[in-house]
Amino acid sequence: MSVDAATVRRVAHLARIAVTDDEVPHLQGELNAMLAFVEQLSQVDVEGVEPMTSVTPMEMKMRADVVSDGGIIDQLLANAPATEEQFFVVPKVVE
């Protein structure tokens, strides 16, 4: 895959980066080099390789997956301008 100058300008626009016409060829080369490296990585055979969380073997610490209110509802609502039954009251914006 190769990136052309129009694509470089489009990516810069999407990223909200100001790019001058003099910078486009350099950025085009940089993006093409990155894409070539990604293509090179896609050729690596990773069949049977387990995903890793670290370079050293370790177990992930798991916590119980339970829903809780944190036990601090009163503290959370203390600075709210308006509350009702332990909920924030906000102005209606859609009719």
PDB file of N, CA and C in Angstrom:
ATOM      1  N   MET A   1       0.840  -1.169   0.000  1.00  0.00           N
ATOM      2  CA  MET A   1       0.000   0.000   0.000  1.00  0.00           C
ATOM      3  C   MET A   1       0.887   1.235   0.000  1.00  0.00           C
ATOM      4  N   SER A   2       0.511   2.218  -0.792  1.00  0.00           N
ATOM      5  CA  SER A   2       1.289   3.431  -0.888  1.00  0.00           C
ATOM      6  C   SER A   2       0.385   4.637  -0.645  1.00  0.00           C
ATOM      7  N   VAL A   3       0.904   5.612   0.071  1.00  0.00           N
ATOM      8  CA  VAL A   3       0.155   6.819   0.397  1.00  0.00           C
ATOM      9  C   VAL A   3       0.556   7.918  -0.575  1.00  0.00           C
ATOM     10  N   ASP A   4      -0.423   8.606  -1.148  1.00  0.00           N
ATOM     11  CA  ASP A   4      -0.116   9.711  -2.046  1.00  0.00           C
ATOM     12  C   ASP A   4      -0.240  11.036  -1.291  1.00  0.00           C
ATOM     13  N   ALA A   5       0.085  12.126  -1.949  1.00  0.00           N
ATOM     14  CA  ALA A   5       0.091  13.444  -1.311  1.00  0.00           C
ATOM     15  C   ALA A   5      -1.302  13.842  -0.833  1.00  0.00           C
ATOM     16  N   ALA A   6      -2.329  13.497  -1.586  1.00  0.00           N
ATOM     17  CA  ALA A   6      -3.701  13.831  -1.189  1.00  0.00           C
ATOM     18  C   ALA A   6      -4.078  13.109   0.104  1.00  0.00           C
ATOM     19  N   THR A   7      -3.637  11.871   0.246  1.00  0.00           N
ATOM     20  CA  THR A   7      -3.921  11.114   1.468  1.00  0.00           C
ATOM     21  C   THR A   7      -3.199  11.721   2.661  1.00  0.00           C
ATOM     22  N   VAL A   8      -1.973  12.187   2.439  1.00  0.00           N
ATOM     23  CA  VAL A   8      -1.221  12.835   3.517  1.00  0.00           C
ATOM     24  C   VAL A   8      -1.967  14.084   3.984  1.00  0.00           C
ATOM     25  N   ARG A   9      -2.449  14.870   3.043  1.00  0.00           N
ATOM     26  CA  ARG A   9      -3.196  16.077   3.399  1.00  0.00           C
ATOM     27  C   ARG A   9      -4.493  15.719   4.134  1.00  0.00           C
ATOM     28  N   ARG A  10      -5.162  14.660   3.698  1.00  0.00           N
ATOM     29  CA  ARG A  10      -6.411  14.225   4.334  1.00  0.00           C
ATOM     30  C   ARG A  10      -6.153  13.754   5.769  1.00  0.00           C
ATOM     31  N   VAL A  11      -5.106  12.971   5.969  1.00  0.00           N
ATOM     32  CA  VAL A  11      -4.762  12.489   7.312  1.00  0.00           C
ATOM     33  C   VAL A  11      -4.402  13.673   8.207  1.00  0.00           C
ATOM     34  N   ALA A  12      -3.644  14.623   7.678  1.00  0.00           N
ATOM     35  CA  ALA A  12      -3.278  15.812   8.455  1.00  0.00           C
ATOM     36  C   ALA A  12      -4.525  16.609   8.828  1.00  0.00           C
ATOM     37  N   HIS A  13      -5.453  16.720   7.907  1.00  0.00           N
ATOM     38  CA  HIS A  13      -6.705  17.437   8.185  1.00  0.00           C
ATOM     39  C   HIS A  13      -7.496  16.729   9.275  1.00  0.00           C
ATOM     40  N   LEU A  14      -7.613  15.411   9.186  1.00  0.00           N
ATOM     41  CA  LEU A  14      -8.353  14.641  10.190  1.00  0.00           C
ATOM     42  C   LEU A  14      -7.686  14.728  11.560  1.00  0.00           C
ATOM     43  N   ALA A  15      -6.364  14.808  11.576  1.00  0.00           N
ATOM     44  CA  ALA A  15      -5.623  14.902  12.831  1.00  0.00           C
ATOM     45  C   ALA A  15      -5.506  16.343  13.314  1.00  0.00           C
ATOM     46  N   ARG A  16      -6.053  17.269  12.560  1.00  0.00           N
ATOM     47  CA  ARG A  16      -5.999  18.693  12.894  1.00  0.00           C
ATOM     48  C   ARG A  16      -4.561  19.185  13.030  1.00  0.00           C
ATOM     49  N   ILE A  17      -3.732  18.759  12.047  1.00  0.00           N
ATOM     50  CA  ILE A  17      -2.325  19.160  12.018  1.00  0.00           C
ATOM     51  C   ILE A  17      -2.117  20.040  10.785  1.00  0.00           C
ATOM     52  N   ALA A  18      -1.534  21.192  10.994  1.00  0.00           N
ATOM     53  CA  ALA A  18      -1.226  22.080   9.871  1.00  0.00           C
ATOM     54  C   ALA A  18       0.016  21.563   9.158  1.00  0.00           C
ATOM     55  N   VAL A  19      -0.124  21.290   7.878  1.00  0.00           N
ATOM     56  CA  VAL A  19       0.988  20.755   7.085  1.00  0.00           C
ATOM     57  C   VAL A  19       1.187  21.654   5.869  1.00  0.00           C
ATOM     58  N   THR A  20       2.424  22.129   5.699  1.00  0.00           N
ATOM     59  CA  THR A  20       2.733  22.952   4.526  1.00  0.00           C
ATOM     60  C   THR A  20       3.019  22.043   3.336  1.00  0.00           C
ATOM     61  N   ASP A  21       3.002  22.630   2.149  1.00  0.00           N
ATOM     62  CA  ASP A  21       3.275  21.852   0.945  1.00  0.00           C
ATOM     63  C   ASP A  21       4.700  21.290   0.947  1.00  0.00           C
ATOM     64  N   ASP A  22       5.622  21.979   1.614  1.00  0.00           N
ATOM     65  CA  ASP A  22       7.001  21.499   1.682  1.00  0.00           C
ATOM     66  C   ASP A  22       7.127  20.260   2.567  1.00  0.00           C
ATOM     67  N   GLU A  23       6.236  20.107   3.535  1.00  0.00           N
ATOM     68  CA  GLU A  23       6.305  18.986   4.462  1.00  0.00           C
ATOM     69  C   GLU A  23       5.643  17.713   3.924  1.00  0.00           C
ATOM     70  N   VAL A  24       4.783  17.845   2.933  1.00  0.00           N
ATOM     71  CA  VAL A  24       4.023  16.702   2.420  1.00  0.00           C
ATOM     72  C   VAL A  24       4.915  15.573   1.925  1.00  0.00           C
ATOM     73  N   PRO A  25       5.945  15.820   1.106  1.00  0.00           N
ATOM     74  CA  PRO A  25       6.771  14.696   0.631  1.00  0.00           C
ATOM     75  C   PRO A  25       7.455  13.937   1.768  1.00  0.00           C
ATOM     76  N   HIS A  26       7.952  14.671   2.772  1.00  0.00           N
ATOM     77  CA  HIS A  26       8.598  14.008   3.906  1.00  0.00           C
ATOM     78  C   HIS A  26       7.597  13.138   4.661  1.00  0.00           C
ATOM     79  N   LEU A  27       6.419  13.693   4.940  1.00  0.00           N
ATOM     80  CA  LEU A  27       5.394  12.928   5.661  1.00  0.00           C
ATOM     81  C   LEU A  27       4.900  11.734   4.838  1.00  0.00           C
ATOM     82  N   GLN A  28       4.853  11.911   3.533  1.00  0.00           N
ATOM     83  CA  GLN A  28       4.450  10.810   2.653  1.00  0.00           C
ATOM     84  C   GLN A  28       5.439   9.657   2.785  1.00  0.00           C
ATOM     85  N   GLY A  29       6.716   9.959   2.797  1.00  0.00           N
ATOM     86  CA  GLY A  29       7.734   8.923   2.976  1.00  0.00           C
ATOM     87  C   GLY A  29       7.627   8.257   4.341  1.00  0.00           C
ATOM     88  N   GLU A  30       7.379   9.055   5.393  1.00  0.00           N
ATOM     89  CA  GLU A  30       7.245   8.508   6.742  1.00  0.00           C
ATOM     90  C   GLU A  30       6.042   7.564   6.829  1.00  0.00           C
ATOM     91  N   LEU A  31       4.904   7.992   6.299  1.00  0.00           N
ATOM     92  CA  LEU A  31       3.699   7.141   6.350  1.00  0.00           C
ATOM     93  C   LEU A  31       3.891   5.865   5.533  1.00  0.00           C
ATOM     94  N   ASN A  32       4.532   5.977   4.375  1.00  0.00           N
ATOM     95  CA  ASN A  32       4.786   4.785   3.566  1.00  0.00           C
ATOM     96  C   ASN A  32       5.720   3.817   4.287  1.00  0.00           C
ATOM     97  N   ALA A  33       6.708   4.339   5.010  1.00  0.00           N
ATOM     98  CA  ALA A  33       7.622   3.479   5.769  1.00  0.00           C
ATOM     99  C   ALA A  33       6.871   2.756   6.885  1.00  0.00           C
ATOM    100  N   MET A  34       5.968   3.473   7.571  1.00  0.00           N
ATOM    101  CA  MET A  34       5.171   2.843   8.634  1.00  0.00           C
ATOM    102  C   MET A  34       4.288   1.735   8.087  1.00  0.00           C
ATOM    103  N   LEU A  35       3.637   2.014   6.966  1.00  0.00           N
ATOM    104  CA  LEU A  35       2.758   1.007   6.368  1.00  0.00           C
ATOM    105  C   LEU A  35       3.550  -0.207   5.878  1.00  0.00           C
ATOM    106  N   ALA A  36       4.750   0.023   5.359  1.00  0.00           N
ATOM    107  CA  ALA A  36       5.594  -1.093   4.929  1.00  0.00           C
ATOM    108  C   ALA A  36       5.981  -1.953   6.121  1.00  0.00           C
ATOM    109  N   PHE A  37       6.265  -1.332   7.261  1.00  0.00           N
ATOM    110  CA  PHE A  37       6.609  -2.086   8.452  1.00  0.00           C
ATOM    111  C   PHE A  37       5.419  -2.913   8.934  1.00  0.00           C
ATOM    112  N   VAL A  38       4.227  -2.339   8.901  1.00  0.00           N
ATOM    113  CA  VAL A  38       3.026  -3.078   9.308  1.00  0.00           C
ATOM    114  C   VAL A  38       2.794  -4.258   8.372  1.00  0.00           C
ATOM    115  N   GLU A  39       2.989  -4.057   7.081  1.00  0.00           N
ATOM    116  CA  GLU A  39       2.858  -5.166   6.131  1.00  0.00           C
ATOM    117  C   GLU A  39       3.878  -6.256   6.428  1.00  0.00           C
ATOM    118  N   GLN A  40       5.080  -5.861   6.803  1.00  0.00           N
ATOM    119  CA  GLN A  40       6.122  -6.822   7.154  1.00  0.00           C
ATOM    120  C   GLN A  40       5.707  -7.610   8.399  1.00  0.00           C
ATOM    121  N   LEU A  41       5.109  -6.953   9.378  1.00  0.00           N
ATOM    122  CA  LEU A  41       4.649  -7.634  10.591  1.00  0.00           C
ATOM    123  C   LEU A  41       3.533  -8.625  10.299  1.00  0.00           C
ATOM    124  N   SER A  42       2.689  -8.313   9.313  1.00  0.00           N
ATOM    125  CA  SER A  42       1.576  -9.209   9.007  1.00  0.00           C
ATOM    126  C   SER A  42       2.055 -10.529   8.397  1.00  0.00           C
ATOM    127  N   GLN A  43       3.294 -10.587   7.968  1.00  0.00           N
ATOM    128  CA  GLN A  43       3.833 -11.810   7.384  1.00  0.00           C
ATOM    129  C   GLN A  43       4.391 -12.765   8.437  1.00  0.00           C
ATOM    130  N   VAL A  44       4.489 -12.309   9.686  1.00  0.00           N
ATOM    131  CA  VAL A  44       5.035 -13.138  10.758  1.00  0.00           C
ATOM    132  C   VAL A  44       4.011 -14.197  11.146  1.00  0.00           C
ATOM    133  N   ASP A  45       4.467 -15.452  11.279  1.00  0.00           N
ATOM    134  CA  ASP A  45       3.587 -16.549  11.677  1.00  0.00           C
ATOM    135  C   ASP A  45       3.451 -16.550  13.199  1.00  0.00           C
ATOM    136  N   VAL A  46       2.263 -16.248  13.693  1.00  0.00           N
ATOM    137  CA  VAL A  46       2.021 -16.210  15.133  1.00  0.00           C
ATOM    138  C   VAL A  46       1.058 -17.324  15.554  1.00  0.00           C
ATOM    139  N   GLU A  47       0.902 -18.312  14.720  1.00  0.00           N
ATOM    140  CA  GLU A  47       0.020 -19.436  15.022  1.00  0.00           C
ATOM    141  C   GLU A  47       0.498 -20.137  16.282  1.00  0.00           C
ATOM    142  N   GLY A  48      -0.383 -20.290  17.241  1.00  0.00           N
ATOM    143  CA  GLY A  48      -0.067 -20.982  18.475  1.00  0.00           C
ATOM    144  C   GLY A  48       0.644 -20.142  19.517  1.00  0.00           C
ATOM    145  N   VAL A  49       0.876 -18.870  19.237  1.00  0.00           N
ATOM    146  CA  VAL A  49       1.535 -17.995  20.206  1.00  0.00           C
ATOM    147  C   VAL A  49       0.459 -17.388  21.102  1.00  0.00           C
ATOM    148  N   GLU A  50       0.613 -17.584  22.400  1.00  0.00           N
ATOM    149  CA  GLU A  50      -0.354 -17.063  23.364  1.00  0.00           C
ATOM    150  C   GLU A  50      -0.177 -15.551  23.532  1.00  0.00           C
ATOM    151  N   PRO A  51      -1.272 -14.805  23.677  1.00  0.00           N
ATOM    152  CA  PRO A  51      -1.148 -13.370  23.966  1.00  0.00           C
ATOM    153  C   PRO A  51      -0.460 -13.169  25.313  1.00  0.00           C
ATOM    154  N   MET A  52       0.335 -12.109  25.425  1.00  0.00           N
ATOM    155  CA  MET A  52       1.067 -11.848  26.661  1.00  0.00           C
ATOM    156  C   MET A  52       0.628 -10.524  27.268  1.00  0.00           C
ATOM    157  N   THR A  53       0.673 -10.461  28.597  1.00  0.00           N
ATOM    158  CA  THR A  53       0.430  -9.199  29.287  1.00  0.00           C
ATOM    159  C   THR A  53       1.738  -8.575  29.730  1.00  0.00           C
ATOM    160  N   SER A  54       2.813  -9.354  29.699  1.00  0.00           N
ATOM    161  CA  SER A  54       4.116  -8.879  30.147  1.00  0.00           C
ATOM    162  C   SER A  54       5.195  -9.756  29.533  1.00  0.00           C
ATOM    163  N   VAL A  55       6.420  -9.278  29.531  1.00  0.00           N
ATOM    164  CA  VAL A  55       7.519 -10.082  29.009  1.00  0.00           C
ATOM    165  C   VAL A  55       7.933 -11.158  29.998  1.00  0.00           C
ATOM    166  N   THR A  56       7.519 -11.013  31.251  1.00  0.00           N
ATOM    167  CA  THR A  56       7.785 -12.038  32.263  1.00  0.00           C
ATOM    168  C   THR A  56       6.478 -12.736  32.593  1.00  0.00           C
ATOM    169  N   PRO A  57       6.513 -14.051  32.785  1.00  0.00           N
ATOM    170  CA  PRO A  57       5.273 -14.761  33.077  1.00  0.00           C
ATOM    171  C   PRO A  57       4.678 -14.312  34.412  1.00  0.00           C
ATOM    172  N   MET A  58       3.414 -13.965  34.394  1.00  0.00           N
ATOM    173  CA  MET A  58       2.732 -13.561  35.621  1.00  0.00           C
ATOM    174  C   MET A  58       1.228 -13.757  35.446  1.00  0.00           C
ATOM    175  N   GLU A  59       0.562 -13.896  36.553  1.00  0.00           N
ATOM    176  CA  GLU A  59      -0.888 -14.026  36.549  1.00  0.00           C
ATOM    177  C   GLU A  59      -1.511 -12.646  36.720  1.00  0.00           C
ATOM    178  N   MET A  60      -2.563 -12.387  35.985  1.00  0.00           N
ATOM    179  CA  MET A  60      -3.276 -11.132  36.147  1.00  0.00           C
ATOM    180  C   MET A  60      -4.089 -11.175  37.429  1.00  0.00           C
ATOM    181  N   LYS A  61      -4.058 -10.095  38.183  1.00  0.00           N
ATOM    182  CA  LYS A  61      -4.862 -10.008  39.383  1.00  0.00           C
ATOM    183  C   LYS A  61      -6.295  -9.699  38.964  1.00  0.00           C
ATOM    184  N   MET A  62      -7.198 -10.537  39.397  1.00  0.00           N
ATOM    185  CA  MET A  62      -8.599 -10.365  39.029  1.00  0.00           C
ATOM    186  C   MET A  62      -9.377  -9.882  40.247  1.00  0.00           C
ATOM    187  N   ARG A  63     -10.362  -9.057  40.011  1.00  0.00           N
ATOM    188  CA  ARG A  63     -11.236  -8.628  41.082  1.00  0.00           C
ATOM    189  C   ARG A  63     -12.634  -9.148  40.773  1.00  0.00           C
ATOM    190  N   ALA A  64     -13.444  -9.215  41.793  1.00  0.00           N
ATOM    191  CA  ALA A  64     -14.814  -9.675  41.598  1.00  0.00           C
ATOM    192  C   ALA A  64     -15.560  -8.675  40.723  1.00  0.00           C
ATOM    193  N   ASP A  65     -16.305  -9.176  39.764  1.00  0.00           N
ATOM    194  CA  ASP A  65     -17.064  -8.331  38.856  1.00  0.00           C
ATOM    195  C   ASP A  65     -18.460  -8.129  39.432  1.00  0.00           C
ATOM    196  N   VAL A  66     -18.564  -7.200  40.363  1.00  0.00           N
ATOM    197  CA  VAL A  66     -19.842  -6.942  41.017  1.00  0.00           C
ATOM    198  C   VAL A  66     -20.196  -5.467  40.874  1.00  0.00           C
ATOM    199  N   VAL A  67     -21.478  -5.199  40.840  1.00  0.00           N
ATOM    200  CA  VAL A  67     -21.968  -3.834  40.757  1.00  0.00           C
ATOM    201  C   VAL A  67     -22.141  -3.309  42.172  1.00  0.00           C
ATOM    202  N   SER A  68     -21.589  -2.130  42.423  1.00  0.00           N
ATOM    203  CA  SER A  68     -21.781  -1.521  43.736  1.00  0.00           C
ATOM    204  C   SER A  68     -21.897  -0.019  43.568  1.00  0.00           C
ATOM    205  N   ASP A  69     -22.452   0.632  44.571  1.00  0.00           N
ATOM    206  CA  ASP A  69     -22.565   2.092  44.527  1.00  0.00           C
ATOM    207  C   ASP A  69     -21.353   2.764  45.137  1.00  0.00           C
ATOM    208  N   GLY A  70     -20.394   1.979  45.601  1.00  0.00           N
ATOM    209  CA  GLY A  70     -19.188   2.518  46.202  1.00  0.00           C
ATOM    210  C   GLY A  70     -19.360   2.922  47.650  1.00  0.00           C
ATOM    211  N   GLY A  71     -20.608   2.928  48.112  1.00  0.00           N
ATOM    212  CA  GLY A  71     -20.873   3.257  49.499  1.00  0.00           C
ATOM    213  C   GLY A  71     -20.652   4.714  49.858  1.00  0.00           C
ATOM    214  N   ILE A  72     -20.566   5.596  48.866  1.00  0.00           N
ATOM    215  CA  ILE A  72     -20.309   7.005  49.161  1.00  0.00           C
ATOM    216  C   ILE A  72     -21.309   7.913  48.444  1.00  0.00           C
ATOM    217  N   ILE A  73     -22.539   7.472  48.323  1.00  0.00           N
ATOM    218  CA  ILE A  73     -23.545   8.253  47.595  1.00  0.00           C
ATOM    219  C   ILE A  73     -23.715   9.635  48.203  1.00  0.00           C
ATOM    220  N   ASP A  74     -23.769   9.708  49.536  1.00  0.00           N
ATOM    221  CA  ASP A  74     -23.960  11.000  50.186  1.00  0.00           C
ATOM    222  C   ASP A  74     -22.816  11.965  49.860  1.00  0.00           C
ATOM    223  N   GLN A  75     -21.596  11.446  49.800  1.00  0.00           N
ATOM    224  CA  GLN A  75     -20.443  12.294  49.466  1.00  0.00           C
ATOM    225  C   GLN A  75     -20.510  12.757  48.009  1.00  0.00           C
ATOM    226  N   LEU A  76     -20.954  11.860  47.130  1.00  0.00           N
ATOM    227  CA  LEU A  76     -21.039  12.208  45.712  1.00  0.00           C
ATOM    228  C   LEU A  76     -22.089  13.285  45.466  1.00  0.00           C
ATOM    229  N   LEU A  77     -23.195  13.201  46.171  1.00  0.00           N
ATOM    230  CA  LEU A  77     -24.290  14.136  45.946  1.00  0.00           C
ATOM    231  C   LEU A  77     -24.179  15.407  46.783  1.00  0.00           C
ATOM    232  N   ALA A  78     -23.181  15.500  47.654  1.00  0.00           N
ATOM    233  CA  ALA A  78     -23.067  16.638  48.566  1.00  0.00           C
ATOM    234  C   ALA A  78     -22.949  17.969  47.830  1.00  0.00           C
ATOM    235  N   ASN A  79     -22.263  18.028  46.713  1.00  0.00           N
ATOM    236  CA  ASN A  79     -22.064  19.290  45.993  1.00  0.00           C
ATOM    237  C   ASN A  79     -23.041  19.495  44.847  1.00  0.00           C
ATOM    238  N   ALA A  80     -23.983  18.575  44.662  1.00  0.00           N
ATOM    239  CA  ALA A  80     -24.934  18.702  43.562  1.00  0.00           C
ATOM    240  C   ALA A  80     -25.917  19.833  43.858  1.00  0.00           C
ATOM    241  N   PRO A  81     -26.231  20.668  42.858  1.00  0.00           N
ATOM    242  CA  PRO A  81     -27.179  21.753  43.092  1.00  0.00           C
ATOM    243  C   PRO A  81     -28.590  21.235  43.391  1.00  0.00           C
ATOM    244  N   ALA A  82     -28.960  20.093  42.812  1.00  0.00           N
ATOM    245  CA  ALA A  82     -30.285  19.535  43.066  1.00  0.00           C
ATOM    246  C   ALA A  82     -30.224  18.013  42.960  1.00  0.00           C
ATOM    247  N   THR A  83     -30.870  17.330  43.898  1.00  0.00           N
ATOM    248  CA  THR A  83     -30.921  15.869  43.875  1.00  0.00           C
ATOM    249  C   THR A  83     -32.341  15.412  44.173  1.00  0.00           C
ATOM    250  N   GLU A  84     -32.616  14.173  43.763  1.00  0.00           N
ATOM    251  CA  GLU A  84     -33.916  13.568  44.047  1.00  0.00           C
ATOM    252  C   GLU A  84     -33.716  12.061  44.126  1.00  0.00           C
ATOM    253  N   GLU A  85     -34.021  11.476  45.261  1.00  0.00           N
ATOM    254  CA  GLU A  85     -33.900  10.035  45.480  1.00  0.00           C
ATOM    255  C   GLU A  85     -32.528   9.508  45.069  1.00  0.00           C
ATOM    256  N   GLN A  86     -31.491  10.131  45.521  1.00  0.00           N
ATOM    257  CA  GLN A  86     -30.102   9.745  45.270  1.00  0.00           C
ATOM    258  C   GLN A  86     -29.709   9.826  43.793  1.00  0.00           C
ATOM    259  N   PHE A  87     -30.316  10.753  43.053  1.00  0.00           N
ATOM    260  CA  PHE A  87     -29.967  11.011  41.656  1.00  0.00           C
ATOM    261  C   PHE A  87     -29.707  12.495  41.481  1.00  0.00           C
ATOM    262  N   PHE A  88     -28.877  12.858  40.509  1.00  0.00           N
ATOM    263  CA  PHE A  88     -28.682  14.255  40.135  1.00  0.00           C
ATOM    264  C   PHE A  88     -29.919  14.733  39.373  1.00  0.00           C
ATOM    265  N   VAL A  89     -30.370  15.939  39.647  1.00  0.00           N
ATOM    266  CA  VAL A  89     -31.469  16.535  38.892  1.00  0.00           C
ATOM    267  C   VAL A  89     -30.857  17.540  37.940  1.00  0.00           C
ATOM    268  N   VAL A  90     -31.164  17.370  36.641  1.00  0.00           N
ATOM    269  CA  VAL A  90     -30.621  18.257  35.608  1.00  0.00           C
ATOM    270  C   VAL A  90     -31.772  18.877  34.830  1.00  0.00           C
ATOM    271  N   PRO A  91     -31.551  20.044  34.220  1.00  0.00           N
ATOM    272  CA  PRO A  91     -32.631  20.669  33.457  1.00  0.00           C
ATOM    273  C   PRO A  91     -32.984  19.859  32.217  1.00  0.00           C
ATOM    274  N   LYS A  92     -34.249  19.851  31.877  1.00  0.00           N
ATOM    275  CA  LYS A  92     -34.710  19.151  30.677  1.00  0.00           C
ATOM    276  C   LYS A  92     -34.259  19.930  29.449  1.00  0.00           C
ATOM    277  N   VAL A  93     -33.618  19.248  28.483  1.00  0.00           N
ATOM    278  CA  VAL A  93     -33.122  19.915  27.289  1.00  0.00           C
ATOM    279  C   VAL A  93     -33.830  19.452  26.026  1.00  0.00           C
ATOM    280  N   VAL A  94     -34.577  18.372  26.098  1.00  0.00           N
ATOM    281  CA  VAL A  94     -35.292  17.849  24.941  1.00  0.00           C
ATOM    282  C   VAL A  94     -36.775  17.805  25.303  1.00  0.00           C
ATOM    283  N   GLU A  95     -37.604  18.312  24.429  1.00  0.00           N
ATOM    284  CA  GLU A  95     -39.045  18.286  24.708  1.00  0.00           C
ATOM    285  C   GLU A  95     -39.734  17.271  23.839  1.00  0.00           C
TER     286      GLU A  95
END
